[in-house]
Amino acid sequence: MARTSFERQDAEDLLNQLKQYHETQRQEWSSVLNQWKNLESVWLDKQYEKFEPLFDKLSSTYSEAEKDCEKYMDFIQKQIQIDDQRKQKLASGLADL
């Protein structure tokens, strides 16, 4: 059986950094979308027709990255919970001695 090591503090630090990153990205992307909507309402030439699909692709990529970040945060949170459960079982086992 392979032994693994889990540094809880490192996991908590990473989770906090991901949460900050996620929130910052959401705020920044909201600003980008607002600006896009403003521009989209007045941009009426062939350049718009070329740019719109590019922006749609960027938007799709952003959406996928946001979902991935949320999955990573959930995964790390679950690992922290597993660590809590292991510590509780160990403490319970020691108390029974």
PDB file of N, CA and C in Angstrom:
ATOM      1  N   MET A   1       0.835  -1.168   0.000  1.00  0.00           N
ATOM      2  CA  MET A   1       0.000   0.000   0.000  1.00  0.00           C
ATOM      3  C   MET A   1       0.892   1.247   0.000  1.00  0.00           C
ATOM      4  N   ALA A   2       0.581   2.182  -0.860  1.00  0.00           N
ATOM      5  CA  ALA A   2       1.373   3.402  -0.948  1.00  0.00           C
ATOM      6  C   ALA A   2       0.984   4.359   0.178  1.00  0.00           C
ATOM      7  N   ARG A   3       1.953   4.994   0.719  1.00  0.00           N
ATOM      8  CA  ARG A   3       1.709   5.989   1.767  1.00  0.00           C
ATOM      9  C   ARG A   3       1.593   7.351   1.096  1.00  0.00           C
ATOM     10  N   THR A   4       0.688   8.115   1.599  1.00  0.00           N
ATOM     11  CA  THR A   4       0.531   9.465   1.071  1.00  0.00           C
ATOM     12  C   THR A   4       0.672  10.454   2.211  1.00  0.00           C
ATOM     13  N   SER A   5       0.947  11.668   1.832  1.00  0.00           N
ATOM     14  CA  SER A   5       1.094  12.736   2.811  1.00  0.00           C
ATOM     15  C   SER A   5       0.130  13.854   2.415  1.00  0.00           C
ATOM     16  N   PHE A   6      -0.504  14.424   3.411  1.00  0.00           N
ATOM     17  CA  PHE A   6      -1.454  15.510   3.152  1.00  0.00           C
ATOM     18  C   PHE A   6      -1.139  16.632   4.125  1.00  0.00           C
ATOM     19  N   GLU A   7      -0.719  17.738   3.601  1.00  0.00           N
ATOM     20  CA  GLU A   7      -0.441  18.904   4.434  1.00  0.00           C
ATOM     21  C   GLU A   7      -1.688  19.781   4.440  1.00  0.00           C
ATOM     22  N   ARG A   8      -2.417  19.686   5.520  1.00  0.00           N
ATOM     23  CA  ARG A   8      -3.686  20.394   5.626  1.00  0.00           C
ATOM     24  C   ARG A   8      -3.522  21.904   5.424  1.00  0.00           C
ATOM     25  N   GLN A   9      -2.518  22.477   6.051  1.00  0.00           N
ATOM     26  CA  GLN A   9      -2.339  23.932   5.930  1.00  0.00           C
ATOM     27  C   GLN A   9      -2.093  24.336   4.480  1.00  0.00           C
ATOM     28  N   ASP A  10      -1.305  23.540   3.767  1.00  0.00           N
ATOM     29  CA  ASP A  10      -1.069  23.825   2.350  1.00  0.00           C
ATOM     30  C   ASP A  10      -2.370  23.740   1.559  1.00  0.00           C
ATOM     31  N   ALA A  11      -3.190  22.745   1.873  1.00  0.00           N
ATOM     32  CA  ALA A  11      -4.478  22.581   1.187  1.00  0.00           C
ATOM     33  C   ALA A  11      -5.404  23.756   1.497  1.00  0.00           C
ATOM     34  N   GLU A  12      -5.432  24.174   2.756  1.00  0.00           N
ATOM     35  CA  GLU A  12      -6.278  25.311   3.126  1.00  0.00           C
ATOM     36  C   GLU A  12      -5.796  26.591   2.456  1.00  0.00           C
ATOM     37  N   ASP A  13      -4.476  26.766   2.397  1.00  0.00           N
ATOM     38  CA  ASP A  13      -3.922  27.950   1.727  1.00  0.00           C
ATOM     39  C   ASP A  13      -4.278  27.947   0.242  1.00  0.00           C
ATOM     40  N   LEU A  14      -4.132  26.782  -0.389  1.00  0.00           N
ATOM     41  CA  LEU A  14      -4.484  26.682  -1.804  1.00  0.00           C
ATOM     42  C   LEU A  14      -5.970  26.956  -2.015  1.00  0.00           C
ATOM     43  N   LEU A  15      -6.804  26.390  -1.164  1.00  0.00           N
ATOM     44  CA  LEU A  15      -8.245  26.613  -1.285  1.00  0.00           C
ATOM     45  C   LEU A  15      -8.576  28.103  -1.150  1.00  0.00           C
ATOM     46  N   ASN A  16      -7.970  28.765  -0.182  1.00  0.00           N
ATOM     47  CA  ASN A  16      -8.219  30.203  -0.007  1.00  0.00           C
ATOM     48  C   ASN A  16      -7.747  31.006  -1.206  1.00  0.00           C
ATOM     49  N   GLN A  17      -6.597  30.640  -1.754  1.00  0.00           N
ATOM     50  CA  GLN A  17      -6.102  31.328  -2.945  1.00  0.00           C
ATOM     51  C   GLN A  17      -7.025  31.098  -4.145  1.00  0.00           C
ATOM     52  N   LEU A  18      -7.506  29.876  -4.300  1.00  0.00           N
ATOM     53  CA  LEU A  18      -8.433  29.586  -5.402  1.00  0.00           C
ATOM     54  C   LEU A  18      -9.739  30.361  -5.236  1.00  0.00           C
ATOM     55  N   LYS A  19     -10.208  30.471  -4.013  1.00  0.00           N
ATOM     56  CA  LYS A  19     -11.443  31.235  -3.766  1.00  0.00           C
ATOM     57  C   LYS A  19     -11.242  32.708  -4.127  1.00  0.00           C
ATOM     58  N   GLN A  20     -10.104  33.260  -3.736  1.00  0.00           N
ATOM     59  CA  GLN A  20      -9.822  34.658  -4.073  1.00  0.00           C
ATOM     60  C   GLN A  20      -9.702  34.842  -5.583  1.00  0.00           C
ATOM     61  N   TYR A  21      -8.983  33.919  -6.214  1.00  0.00           N
ATOM     62  CA  TYR A  21      -8.826  33.960  -7.663  1.00  0.00           C
ATOM     63  C   TYR A  21     -10.189  33.884  -8.351  1.00  0.00           C
ATOM     64  N   HIS A  22     -11.000  32.943  -7.907  1.00  0.00           N
ATOM     65  CA  HIS A  22     -12.322  32.729  -8.491  1.00  0.00           C
ATOM     66  C   HIS A  22     -13.177  33.990  -8.374  1.00  0.00           C
ATOM     67  N   GLU A  23     -13.181  34.593  -7.198  1.00  0.00           N
ATOM     68  CA  GLU A  23     -13.989  35.802  -6.993  1.00  0.00           C
ATOM     69  C   GLU A  23     -13.472  36.954  -7.846  1.00  0.00           C
ATOM     70  N   THR A  24     -12.174  37.118  -7.911  1.00  0.00           N
ATOM     71  CA  THR A  24     -11.594  38.183  -8.731  1.00  0.00           C
ATOM     72  C   THR A  24     -11.945  37.974 -10.196  1.00  0.00           C
ATOM     73  N   GLN A  25     -11.812  36.749 -10.659  1.00  0.00           N
ATOM     74  CA  GLN A  25     -12.140  36.451 -12.051  1.00  0.00           C
ATOM     75  C   GLN A  25     -13.613  36.734 -12.352  1.00  0.00           C
ATOM     76  N   ARG A  26     -14.471  36.358 -11.421  1.00  0.00           N
ATOM     77  CA  ARG A  26     -15.903  36.613 -11.641  1.00  0.00           C
ATOM     78  C   ARG A  26     -16.190  38.106 -11.739  1.00  0.00           C
ATOM     79  N   GLN A  27     -15.573  38.888 -10.867  1.00  0.00           N
ATOM     80  CA  GLN A  27     -15.781  40.341 -10.902  1.00  0.00           C
ATOM     81  C   GLN A  27     -15.240  40.947 -12.191  1.00  0.00           C
ATOM     82  N   GLU A  28     -14.033  40.526 -12.568  1.00  0.00           N
ATOM     83  CA  GLU A  28     -13.428  41.060 -13.788  1.00  0.00           C
ATOM     84  C   GLU A  28     -14.224  40.651 -15.023  1.00  0.00           C
ATOM     85  N   TRP A  29     -14.665  39.405 -15.058  1.00  0.00           N
ATOM     86  CA  TRP A  29     -15.428  38.939 -16.216  1.00  0.00           C
ATOM     87  C   TRP A  29     -16.763  39.665 -16.313  1.00  0.00           C
ATOM     88  N   SER A  30     -17.351  39.960 -15.191  1.00  0.00           N
ATOM     89  CA  SER A  30     -18.597  40.730 -15.183  1.00  0.00           C
ATOM     90  C   SER A  30     -18.379  42.101 -15.824  1.00  0.00           C
ATOM     91  N   SER A  31     -17.259  42.720 -15.516  1.00  0.00           N
ATOM     92  CA  SER A  31     -16.932  44.012 -16.139  1.00  0.00           C
ATOM     93  C   SER A  31     -16.744  43.868 -17.641  1.00  0.00           C
ATOM     94  N   VAL A  32     -16.057  42.809 -18.048  1.00  0.00           N
ATOM     95  CA  VAL A  32     -15.849  42.570 -19.478  1.00  0.00           C
ATOM     96  C   VAL A  32     -17.194  42.383 -20.184  1.00  0.00           C
ATOM     97  N   LEU A  33     -18.067  41.594 -19.579  1.00  0.00           N
ATOM     98  CA  LEU A  33     -19.383  41.364 -20.203  1.00  0.00           C
ATOM     99  C   LEU A  33     -20.193  42.647 -20.300  1.00  0.00           C
ATOM    100  N   ASN A  34     -20.142  43.468 -19.273  1.00  0.00           N
ATOM    101  CA  ASN A  34     -20.858  44.749 -19.319  1.00  0.00           C
ATOM    102  C   ASN A  34     -20.327  45.635 -20.439  1.00  0.00           C
ATOM    103  N   GLN A  35     -19.011  45.688 -20.567  1.00  0.00           N
ATOM    104  CA  GLN A  35     -18.425  46.485 -21.637  1.00  0.00           C
ATOM    105  C   GLN A  35     -18.783  45.912 -23.005  1.00  0.00           C
ATOM    106  N   TRP A  36     -18.793  44.598 -23.108  1.00  0.00           N
ATOM    107  CA  TRP A  36     -19.155  43.961 -24.377  1.00  0.00           C
ATOM    108  C   TRP A  36     -20.594  44.313 -24.753  1.00  0.00           C
ATOM    109  N   LYS A  37     -21.488  44.253 -23.791  1.00  0.00           N
ATOM    110  CA  LYS A  37     -22.889  44.580 -24.075  1.00  0.00           C
ATOM    111  C   LYS A  37     -23.026  46.030 -24.537  1.00  0.00           C
ATOM    112  N   ASN A  38     -22.278  46.923 -23.906  1.00  0.00           N
ATOM    113  CA  ASN A  38     -22.305  48.329 -24.323  1.00  0.00           C
ATOM    114  C   ASN A  38     -21.801  48.487 -25.758  1.00  0.00           C
ATOM    115  N   LEU A  39     -20.708  47.841 -26.066  1.00  0.00           N
ATOM    116  CA  LEU A  39     -20.130  47.938 -27.404  1.00  0.00           C
ATOM    117  C   LEU A  39     -21.009  47.237 -28.439  1.00  0.00           C
ATOM    118  N   GLU A  40     -21.518  46.099 -28.067  1.00  0.00           N
ATOM    119  CA  GLU A  40     -22.333  45.298 -28.980  1.00  0.00           C
ATOM    120  C   GLU A  40     -23.568  46.066 -29.463  1.00  0.00           C
ATOM    121  N   SER A  41     -24.108  46.889 -28.602  1.00  0.00           N
ATOM    122  CA  SER A  41     -25.338  47.613 -28.970  1.00  0.00           C
ATOM    123  C   SER A  41     -25.099  48.707 -30.013  1.00  0.00           C
ATOM    124  N   VAL A  42     -23.855  49.125 -30.190  1.00  0.00           N
ATOM    125  CA  VAL A  42     -23.586  50.206 -31.149  1.00  0.00           C
ATOM    126  C   VAL A  42     -22.635  49.808 -32.280  1.00  0.00           C
ATOM    127  N   TRP A  43     -22.031  48.647 -32.184  1.00  0.00           N
ATOM    128  CA  TRP A  43     -21.046  48.224 -33.182  1.00  0.00           C
ATOM    129  C   TRP A  43     -21.780  47.508 -34.307  1.00  0.00           C
ATOM    130  N   LEU A  44     -21.855  48.148 -35.460  1.00  0.00           N
ATOM    131  CA  LEU A  44     -22.696  47.631 -36.538  1.00  0.00           C
ATOM    132  C   LEU A  44     -21.974  47.528 -37.877  1.00  0.00           C
ATOM    133  N   ASP A  45     -20.770  47.015 -37.892  1.00  0.00           N
ATOM    134  CA  ASP A  45     -20.074  46.859 -39.170  1.00  0.00           C
ATOM    135  C   ASP A  45     -19.540  45.430 -39.324  1.00  0.00           C
ATOM    136  N   LYS A  46     -18.816  45.202 -40.409  1.00  0.00           N
ATOM    137  CA  LYS A  46     -18.308  43.852 -40.689  1.00  0.00           C
ATOM    138  C   LYS A  46     -17.267  43.394 -39.669  1.00  0.00           C
ATOM    139  N   GLN A  47     -16.568  44.310 -39.068  1.00  0.00           N
ATOM    140  CA  GLN A  47     -15.594  43.936 -38.043  1.00  0.00           C
ATOM    141  C   GLN A  47     -16.298  43.274 -36.850  1.00  0.00           C
ATOM    142  N   TYR A  48     -17.489  43.755 -36.538  1.00  0.00           N
ATOM    143  CA  TYR A  48     -18.266  43.136 -35.469  1.00  0.00           C
ATOM    144  C   TYR A  48     -18.572  41.682 -35.818  1.00  0.00           C
ATOM    145  N   GLU A  49     -18.948  41.448 -37.063  1.00  0.00           N
ATOM    146  CA  GLU A  49     -19.267  40.087 -37.500  1.00  0.00           C
ATOM    147  C   GLU A  49     -18.064  39.162 -37.378  1.00  0.00           C
ATOM    148  N   LYS A  50     -16.871  39.705 -37.526  1.00  0.00           N
ATOM    149  CA  LYS A  50     -15.656  38.906 -37.361  1.00  0.00           C
ATOM    150  C   LYS A  50     -15.326  38.702 -35.876  1.00  0.00           C
ATOM    151  N   PHE A  51     -15.589  39.724 -35.095  1.00  0.00           N
ATOM    152  CA  PHE A  51     -15.190  39.670 -33.688  1.00  0.00           C
ATOM    153  C   PHE A  51     -16.167  38.884 -32.820  1.00  0.00           C
ATOM    154  N   GLU A  52     -17.438  38.968 -33.114  1.00  0.00           N
ATOM    155  CA  GLU A  52     -18.445  38.312 -32.255  1.00  0.00           C
ATOM    156  C   GLU A  52     -18.167  36.827 -32.037  1.00  0.00           C
ATOM    157  N   PRO A  53     -17.866  36.032 -33.075  1.00  0.00           N
ATOM    158  CA  PRO A  53     -17.580  34.614 -32.830  1.00  0.00           C
ATOM    159  C   PRO A  53     -16.347  34.410 -31.942  1.00  0.00           C
ATOM    160  N   LEU A  54     -15.372  35.289 -32.073  1.00  0.00           N
ATOM    161  CA  LEU A  54     -14.185  35.197 -31.223  1.00  0.00           C
ATOM    162  C   LEU A  54     -14.549  35.460 -29.759  1.00  0.00           C
ATOM    163  N   PHE A  55     -15.384  36.460 -29.562  1.00  0.00           N
ATOM    164  CA  PHE A  55     -15.798  36.765 -28.197  1.00  0.00           C
ATOM    165  C   PHE A  55     -16.658  35.637 -27.633  1.00  0.00           C
ATOM    166  N   ASP A  56     -17.509  35.065 -28.458  1.00  0.00           N
ATOM    167  CA  ASP A  56     -18.323  33.935 -28.004  1.00  0.00           C
ATOM    168  C   ASP A  56     -17.443  32.764 -27.583  1.00  0.00           C
ATOM    169  N   LYS A  57     -16.378  32.514 -28.341  1.00  0.00           N
ATOM    170  CA  LYS A  57     -15.452  31.439 -27.996  1.00  0.00           C
ATOM    171  C   LYS A  57     -14.734  31.756 -26.688  1.00  0.00           C
ATOM    172  N   LEU A  58     -14.315  32.997 -26.535  1.00  0.00           N
ATOM    173  CA  LEU A  58     -13.676  33.421 -25.288  1.00  0.00           C
ATOM    174  C   LEU A  58     -14.634  33.240 -24.118  1.00  0.00           C
ATOM    175  N   SER A  59     -15.861  33.605 -24.304  1.00  0.00           N
ATOM    176  CA  SER A  59     -16.871  33.474 -23.257  1.00  0.00           C
ATOM    177  C   SER A  59     -17.083  32.009 -22.870  1.00  0.00           C
ATOM    178  N   SER A  60     -17.122  31.159 -23.866  1.00  0.00           N
ATOM    179  CA  SER A  60     -17.277  29.723 -23.616  1.00  0.00           C
ATOM    180  C   SER A  60     -16.074  29.164 -22.859  1.00  0.00           C
ATOM    181  N   THR A  61     -14.884  29.571 -23.272  1.00  0.00           N
ATOM    182  CA  THR A  61     -13.659  29.122 -22.603  1.00  0.00           C
ATOM    183  C   THR A  61     -13.641  29.599 -21.159  1.00  0.00           C
ATOM    184  N   TYR A  62     -14.037  30.833 -20.940  1.00  0.00           N
ATOM    185  CA  TYR A  62     -14.091  31.370 -19.578  1.00  0.00           C
ATOM    186  C   TYR A  62     -15.063  30.558 -18.724  1.00  0.00           C
ATOM    187  N   SER A  63     -16.217  30.255 -19.275  1.00  0.00           N
ATOM    188  CA  SER A  63     -17.232  29.500 -18.544  1.00  0.00           C
ATOM    189  C   SER A  63     -16.707  28.128 -18.120  1.00  0.00           C
ATOM    190  N   GLU A  64     -16.025  27.457 -19.035  1.00  0.00           N
ATOM    191  CA  GLU A  64     -15.441  26.146 -18.718  1.00  0.00           C
ATOM    192  C   GLU A  64     -14.374  26.267 -17.637  1.00  0.00           C
ATOM    193  N   ALA A  65     -13.536  27.296 -17.730  1.00  0.00           N
ATOM    194  CA  ALA A  65     -12.479  27.493 -16.732  1.00  0.00           C
ATOM    195  C   ALA A  65     -13.085  27.775 -15.362  1.00  0.00           C
ATOM    196  N   GLU A  66     -14.166  28.518 -15.324  1.00  0.00           N
ATOM    197  CA  GLU A  66     -14.843  28.820 -14.059  1.00  0.00           C
ATOM    198  C   GLU A  66     -15.392  27.534 -13.433  1.00  0.00           C
ATOM    199  N   LYS A  67     -15.996  26.693 -14.254  1.00  0.00           N
ATOM    200  CA  LYS A  67     -16.520  25.410 -13.762  1.00  0.00           C
ATOM    201  C   LYS A  67     -15.391  24.526 -13.245  1.00  0.00           C
ATOM    202  N   ASP A  68     -14.274  24.500 -13.962  1.00  0.00           N
ATOM    203  CA  ASP A  68     -13.130  23.706 -13.527  1.00  0.00           C
ATOM    204  C   ASP A  68     -12.598  24.203 -12.183  1.00  0.00           C
ATOM    205  N   CYS A  69     -12.498  25.495 -12.028  1.00  0.00           N
ATOM    206  CA  CYS A  69     -12.011  26.068 -10.777  1.00  0.00           C
ATOM    207  C   CYS A  69     -12.935  25.664  -9.626  1.00  0.00           C
ATOM    208  N   GLU A  70     -14.233  25.699  -9.861  1.00  0.00           N
ATOM    209  CA  GLU A  70     -15.189  25.292  -8.830  1.00  0.00           C
ATOM    210  C   GLU A  70     -15.014  23.814  -8.478  1.00  0.00           C
ATOM    211  N   LYS A  71     -14.749  22.981  -9.477  1.00  0.00           N
ATOM    212  CA  LYS A  71     -14.503  21.559  -9.225  1.00  0.00           C
ATOM    213  C   LYS A  71     -13.251  21.373  -8.377  1.00  0.00           C
ATOM    214  N   TYR A  72     -12.193  22.120  -8.688  1.00  0.00           N
ATOM    215  CA  TYR A  72     -10.947  22.020  -7.919  1.00  0.00           C
ATOM    216  C   TYR A  72     -11.184  22.439  -6.463  1.00  0.00           C
ATOM    217  N   MET A  73     -11.942  23.513  -6.287  1.00  0.00           N
ATOM    218  CA  MET A  73     -12.225  23.975  -4.923  1.00  0.00           C
ATOM    219  C   MET A  73     -13.022  22.918  -4.156  1.00  0.00           C
ATOM    220  N   ASP A  74     -14.004  22.321  -4.810  1.00  0.00           N
ATOM    221  CA  ASP A  74     -14.791  21.259  -4.172  1.00  0.00           C
ATOM    222  C   ASP A  74     -13.910  20.070  -3.798  1.00  0.00           C
ATOM    223  N   PHE A  75     -13.022  19.689  -4.705  1.00  0.00           N
ATOM    224  CA  PHE A  75     -12.137  18.561  -4.451  1.00  0.00           C
ATOM    225  C   PHE A  75     -11.250  18.823  -3.229  1.00  0.00           C
ATOM    226  N   ILE A  76     -10.645  19.982  -3.187  1.00  0.00           N
ATOM    227  CA  ILE A  76      -9.764  20.302  -2.061  1.00  0.00           C
ATOM    228  C   ILE A  76     -10.564  20.354  -0.764  1.00  0.00           C
ATOM    229  N   GLN A  77     -11.758  20.930  -0.821  1.00  0.00           N
ATOM    230  CA  GLN A  77     -12.601  20.983   0.381  1.00  0.00           C
ATOM    231  C   GLN A  77     -12.926  19.575   0.869  1.00  0.00           C
ATOM    232  N   LYS A  78     -13.214  18.675  -0.031  1.00  0.00           N
ATOM    233  CA  LYS A  78     -13.501  17.288   0.353  1.00  0.00           C
ATOM    234  C   LYS A  78     -12.278  16.623   0.977  1.00  0.00           C
ATOM    235  N   GLN A  79     -11.095  16.918   0.438  1.00  0.00           N
ATOM    236  CA  GLN A  79      -9.878  16.349   1.010  1.00  0.00           C
ATOM    237  C   GLN A  79      -9.650  16.858   2.429  1.00  0.00           C
ATOM    238  N   ILE A  80      -9.965  18.104   2.666  1.00  0.00           N
ATOM    239  CA  ILE A  80      -9.846  18.672   4.007  1.00  0.00           C
ATOM    240  C   ILE A  80     -10.851  17.993   4.945  1.00  0.00           C
ATOM    241  N   GLN A  81     -12.056  17.742   4.459  1.00  0.00           N
ATOM    242  CA  GLN A  81     -13.064  17.050   5.270  1.00  0.00           C
ATOM    243  C   GLN A  81     -12.618  15.623   5.589  1.00  0.00           C
ATOM    244  N   ILE A  82     -12.030  14.944   4.621  1.00  0.00           N
ATOM    245  CA  ILE A  82     -11.522  13.583   4.855  1.00  0.00           C
ATOM    246  C   ILE A  82     -10.432  13.622   5.923  1.00  0.00           C
ATOM    247  N   ASP A  83      -9.573  14.627   5.857  1.00  0.00           N
ATOM    248  CA  ASP A  83      -8.530  14.777   6.866  1.00  0.00           C
ATOM    249  C   ASP A  83      -9.143  14.979   8.251  1.00  0.00           C
ATOM    250  N   ASP A  84     -10.202  15.780   8.324  1.00  0.00           N
ATOM    251  CA  ASP A  84     -10.913  15.979   9.602  1.00  0.00           C
ATOM    252  C   ASP A  84     -11.451  14.654  10.131  1.00  0.00           C
ATOM    253  N   GLN A  85     -12.080  13.888   9.259  1.00  0.00           N
ATOM    254  CA  GLN A  85     -12.647  12.602   9.673  1.00  0.00           C
ATOM    255  C   GLN A  85     -11.568  11.650  10.170  1.00  0.00           C
ATOM    256  N   ARG A  86     -10.446  11.614   9.484  1.00  0.00           N
ATOM    257  CA  ARG A  86      -9.338  10.750   9.907  1.00  0.00           C
ATOM    258  C   ARG A  86      -8.824  11.157  11.281  1.00  0.00           C
ATOM    259  N   LYS A  87      -8.704  12.446  11.490  1.00  0.00           N
ATOM    260  CA  LYS A  87      -8.218  12.929  12.785  1.00  0.00           C
ATOM    261  C   LYS A  87      -9.213  12.604  13.896  1.00  0.00           C
ATOM    262  N   GLN A  88     -10.497  12.717  13.607  1.00  0.00           N
ATOM    263  CA  GLN A  88     -11.520  12.382  14.602  1.00  0.00           C
ATOM    264  C   GLN A  88     -11.474  10.899  14.949  1.00  0.00           C
ATOM    265  N   LYS A  89     -11.316  10.045  13.945  1.00  0.00           N
ATOM    266  CA  LYS A  89     -11.233   8.604  14.190  1.00  0.00           C
ATOM    267  C   LYS A  89      -9.993   8.268  15.004  1.00  0.00           C
ATOM    268  N   LEU A  90      -8.882   8.911  14.665  1.00  0.00           N
ATOM    269  CA  LEU A  90      -7.652   8.678  15.406  1.00  0.00           C
ATOM    270  C   LEU A  90      -7.792   9.130  16.849  1.00  0.00           C
ATOM    271  N   ALA A  91      -8.367  10.289  17.060  1.00  0.00           N
ATOM    272  CA  ALA A  91      -8.572  10.785  18.424  1.00  0.00           C
ATOM    273  C   ALA A  91      -9.516   9.882  19.201  1.00  0.00           C
ATOM    274  N   SER A  92     -10.550   9.390  18.546  1.00  0.00           N
ATOM    275  CA  SER A  92     -11.503   8.482  19.187  1.00  0.00           C
ATOM    276  C   SER A  92     -10.827   7.182  19.557  1.00  0.00           C
ATOM    277  N   GLY A  93      -9.997   6.662  18.662  1.00  0.00           N
ATOM    278  CA  GLY A  93      -9.280   5.419  18.909  1.00  0.00           C
ATOM    279  C   GLY A  93      -8.295   5.562  20.056  1.00  0.00           C
ATOM    280  N   LEU A  94      -7.638   6.694  20.155  1.00  0.00           N
ATOM    281  CA  LEU A  94      -6.698   6.925  21.233  1.00  0.00           C
ATOM    282  C   LEU A  94      -7.432   7.066  22.577  1.00  0.00           C
ATOM    283  N   ALA A  95      -8.606   7.667  22.539  1.00  0.00           N
ATOM    284  CA  ALA A  95      -9.383   7.845  23.771  1.00  0.00           C
ATOM    285  C   ALA A  95      -9.851   6.501  24.318  1.00  0.00           C
ATOM    286  N   ASP A  96     -10.045   5.519  23.407  1.00  0.00           N
ATOM    287  CA  ASP A  96     -10.492   4.195  23.853  1.00  0.00           C
ATOM    288  C   ASP A  96      -9.378   3.384  24.508  1.00  0.00           C
ATOM    289  N   LEU A  97      -8.138   3.785  24.328  1.00  0.00           N
ATOM    290  CA  LEU A  97      -7.016   3.043  24.916  1.00  0.00           C
ATOM    291  C   LEU A  97      -6.952   3.267  26.355  1.00  0.00           C
TER     292      LEU A  97
END
